Amino acid sequence: DDLTARQSTFMVEMIETANILNNATERSLVILDEIGRGTSTFDGMALAWAVAERIIQMRTRTLFATHFHQLTDMASQFHGVKNVHTLAKESGNTIIFLHKVVEGGTDKSYGIHVAALAGIPEPVVKRANQILVKIEKENRVAVGESAIDFKATEQVSLESLVTEDPLIERLHHLDLDRTTPIDALTELKEIQDEIKRRRP
C-alpha cells in the first residue's frame, strides 16, 4: 500500500504495470510477480492474461510469475512463451523447496504448506486442507458465495431447460472449442452478473 497517496496495493500494482506497458521496448527486461492478485479471481486472471498478451505483442523479454495456472495454456497458443516452475518435494505433511527451476507448467500450489511454515495455528491449517480437498473433489473454483463448476462429466442438457431466456441462448452458442479459457471465464462472469441483476 501507499497510504500517503491513498493508494491500495492493487492500485500501486496497476500503476507500475501501466508504466511497464506504456514504456517497455524490445530491449527491456520485465519482471512481473503475481499480477492481478489484489482483486477478485476473475478480474485478476483476466488482467494477468491480457497483460501477458500485450507483452508478447511488444516482444519484451519477460519473467512472469503467477499462481493463475490457466495462464500456462499460453505456451501452446503463443510463439516464444515457455513455462517453468520450481521443484518441491512433499513428504507427508511437510514440504521441502528444492530451489531448482525446471521446464514445464504445474497445477500445484503450496500456499497451505507455506502458511504452516509461517506459524499459522494448526487447527486453521487443518481446516484449510479439509476445504481444499472438498474444492478439488468437486473440481470447482469458488469466488465468495458463487462458484463455477468445471466438471465436464456432469453437463446439463440445454434442451432440458425449457425457456427462451437470452442468457441460455448465449450459453448455447458459446463455442468452447474455439474460446480461450480467459474468454470463457469472462463470458460466464458477465452472464452471472446479469443473473444477479435480475434477482429482486
Foldseek 3Di string as FASTA:
>chain_A
DPVVVPDDPLRVLVVVLVCCLVDPALPDEEEAAAAQPVDFPLVRVLVLLVSVVSCLVRNHHYHHHHLPLLSCCVPVVGPPDWDKDFDWDDDPLAIGGPRDIDTDGDNDDCVLNVCVVVPDDPVVSVVVVVVVVVCVVQCWDDTVPDIDGPDPVDDDDLVVVPDPDVLSVVVVPDDPVPDRPSRVSVSVVVSVVVVVVPDD
